[in-house]
Amino acid sequence: MAGEPIGIFQAKTRLSSLVEDVLRGKRFVITRHGRPVAELRPIEDAGPRARRGCARSARFFMADDFDAPIEDFADSV
């Protein structure tokens, strides 16, 4: 297991303190009847979030036909 095992009931009753431990880098494996079912761990940094107005940057791309009507749309409704 990749972390400290903790029963699902105990995880439910101690969630706030477990999250504090996770923020410090600790990992937990949540178990049900002794079998691992989930992992509670820090999320990986996904990088900076998009800012408002980001569509103005040079990295933004939108196809020229983005808002063109879809020919067979009526058939799928």
C-alpha atoms as a PDB file:
ATOM      1  CA  MET A   1       0.000   0.000   0.000  1.00  0.00           C
ATOM      2  CA  ALA A   2       1.174   3.510  -0.748  1.00  0.00           C
ATOM      3  CA  GLY A   3       0.070   5.041   2.536  1.00  0.00           C
ATOM      4  CA  GLU A   4      -1.135   4.442   6.051  1.00  0.00           C
ATOM      5  CA  PRO A   5      -4.246   2.237   6.034  1.00  0.00           C
ATOM      6  CA  ILE A   6      -7.333   3.680   7.688  1.00  0.00           C
ATOM      7  CA  GLY A   7     -10.826   2.211   7.907  1.00  0.00           C
ATOM      8  CA  ILE A   8     -13.622   3.942   6.031  1.00  0.00           C
ATOM      9  CA  PHE A   9     -15.609   4.705   9.204  1.00  0.00           C
ATOM     10  CA  GLN A  10     -12.572   6.200  10.917  1.00  0.00           C
ATOM     11  CA  ALA A  11     -11.754   8.201   7.769  1.00  0.00           C
ATOM     12  CA  LYS A  12     -15.289   9.578   7.712  1.00  0.00           C
ATOM     13  CA  THR A  13     -15.214  10.649  11.349  1.00  0.00           C
ATOM     14  CA  ARG A  14     -11.693  12.153  11.130  1.00  0.00           C
ATOM     15  CA  LEU A  15     -11.813  13.656   7.645  1.00  0.00           C
ATOM     16  CA  SER A  16     -10.852  17.201   8.667  1.00  0.00           C
ATOM     17  CA  SER A  17      -7.756  16.076  10.556  1.00  0.00           C
ATOM     18  CA  LEU A  18      -6.819  13.670   7.765  1.00  0.00           C
ATOM     19  CA  VAL A  19      -6.973  16.496   5.239  1.00  0.00           C
ATOM     20  CA  GLU A  20      -4.648  18.531   7.466  1.00  0.00           C
ATOM     21  CA  ASP A  21      -2.218  15.586   7.466  1.00  0.00           C
ATOM     22  CA  VAL A  22      -2.521  15.288   3.690  1.00  0.00           C
ATOM     23  CA  LEU A  23      -1.644  18.976   3.338  1.00  0.00           C
ATOM     24  CA  ARG A  24       1.578  18.120   5.168  1.00  0.00           C
ATOM     25  CA  GLY A  25       2.316  15.399   2.589  1.00  0.00           C
ATOM     26  CA  LYS A  26       0.969  12.305   4.307  1.00  0.00           C
ATOM     27  CA  ARG A  27      -0.948   9.623   2.361  1.00  0.00           C
ATOM     28  CA  PHE A  28      -3.725   7.313   3.513  1.00  0.00           C
ATOM     29  CA  VAL A  29      -5.252   4.207   1.997  1.00  0.00           C
ATOM     30  CA  ILE A  30      -8.919   3.956   2.910  1.00  0.00           C
ATOM     31  CA  THR A  31     -10.012   0.384   3.523  1.00  0.00           C
ATOM     32  CA  ARG A  32     -13.344  -1.405   3.770  1.00  0.00           C
ATOM     33  CA  HIS A  33     -13.272  -4.681   5.684  1.00  0.00           C
ATOM     34  CA  GLY A  34      -9.470  -4.589   5.484  1.00  0.00           C
ATOM     35  CA  ARG A  35      -9.353  -4.239   1.686  1.00  0.00           C
ATOM     36  CA  PRO A  36      -8.013  -1.040   0.071  1.00  0.00           C
ATOM     37  CA  VAL A  37     -10.698   0.898  -1.796  1.00  0.00           C
ATOM     38  CA  ALA A  38      -9.367   4.456  -2.138  1.00  0.00           C
ATOM     39  CA  GLU A  39      -6.350   6.641  -1.592  1.00  0.00           C
ATOM     40  CA  LEU A  40      -6.291  10.025   0.122  1.00  0.00           C
ATOM     41  CA  ARG A  41      -3.231  11.977  -0.973  1.00  0.00           C
ATOM     42  CA  PRO A  42      -2.106  15.451  -2.000  1.00  0.00           C
ATOM     43  CA  ILE A  43      -3.037  16.381  -5.547  1.00  0.00           C
ATOM     44  CA  GLU A  44      -0.265  17.057  -8.000  1.00  0.00           C
ATOM     45  CA  ASP A  45       0.194  20.658  -8.931  1.00  0.00           C
ATOM     46  CA  ALA A  46      -1.512  21.174 -12.271  1.00  0.00           C
ATOM     47  CA  GLY A  47       0.351  24.418 -12.855  1.00  0.00           C
ATOM     48  CA  PRO A  48      -1.018  27.917 -12.858  1.00  0.00           C
ATOM     49  CA  ARG A  49      -4.727  28.386 -13.388  1.00  0.00           C
ATOM     50  CA  ALA A  50      -5.951  30.244 -16.440  1.00  0.00           C
ATOM     51  CA  ARG A  51      -6.515  33.918 -15.834  1.00  0.00           C
ATOM     52  CA  ARG A  52      -9.344  36.035 -17.152  1.00  0.00           C
ATOM     53  CA  GLY A  53      -8.598  37.279 -20.626  1.00  0.00           C
ATOM     54  CA  CYS A  54      -6.296  34.360 -21.388  1.00  0.00           C
ATOM     55  CA  ALA A  55      -7.920  33.996 -24.818  1.00  0.00           C
ATOM     56  CA  ARG A  56      -5.991  37.097 -25.825  1.00  0.00           C
ATOM     57  CA  SER A  57      -2.654  35.363 -25.469  1.00  0.00           C
ATOM     58  CA  ALA A  58      -0.632  34.017 -28.390  1.00  0.00           C
ATOM     59  CA  ARG A  59      -1.025  30.444 -27.075  1.00  0.00           C
ATOM     60  CA  PHE A  60      -4.816  30.489 -27.444  1.00  0.00           C
ATOM     61  CA  PHE A  61      -6.261  28.775 -30.528  1.00  0.00           C
ATOM     62  CA  MET A  62      -9.807  28.592 -31.782  1.00  0.00           C
ATOM     63  CA  ALA A  63     -10.749  27.095 -35.142  1.00  0.00           C
ATOM     64  CA  ASP A  64     -12.148  29.475 -37.728  1.00  0.00           C
ATOM     65  CA  ASP A  65     -15.320  27.382 -38.001  1.00  0.00           C
ATOM     66  CA  PHE A  66     -15.881  27.184 -34.222  1.00  0.00           C
ATOM     67  CA  ASP A  67     -19.354  28.721 -34.387  1.00  0.00           C
ATOM     68  CA  ALA A  68     -20.370  27.273 -37.752  1.00  0.00           C
ATOM     69  CA  PRO A  69     -23.628  25.293 -37.757  1.00  0.00           C
ATOM     70  CA  ILE A  70     -23.297  21.539 -37.453  1.00  0.00           C
ATOM     71  CA  GLU A  71     -24.788  19.977 -40.548  1.00  0.00           C
ATOM     72  CA  ASP A  72     -26.234  16.795 -39.030  1.00  0.00           C
ATOM     73  CA  PHE A  73     -27.100  18.238 -35.615  1.00  0.00           C
ATOM     74  CA  ALA A  74     -30.868  17.852 -36.140  1.00  0.00           C
ATOM     75  CA  ASP A  75     -30.393  14.121 -36.728  1.00  0.00           C
ATOM     76  CA  SER A  76     -28.785  13.639 -33.309  1.00  0.00           C
ATOM     77  CA  VAL A  77     -31.475  15.398 -31.289  1.00  0.00           C
END
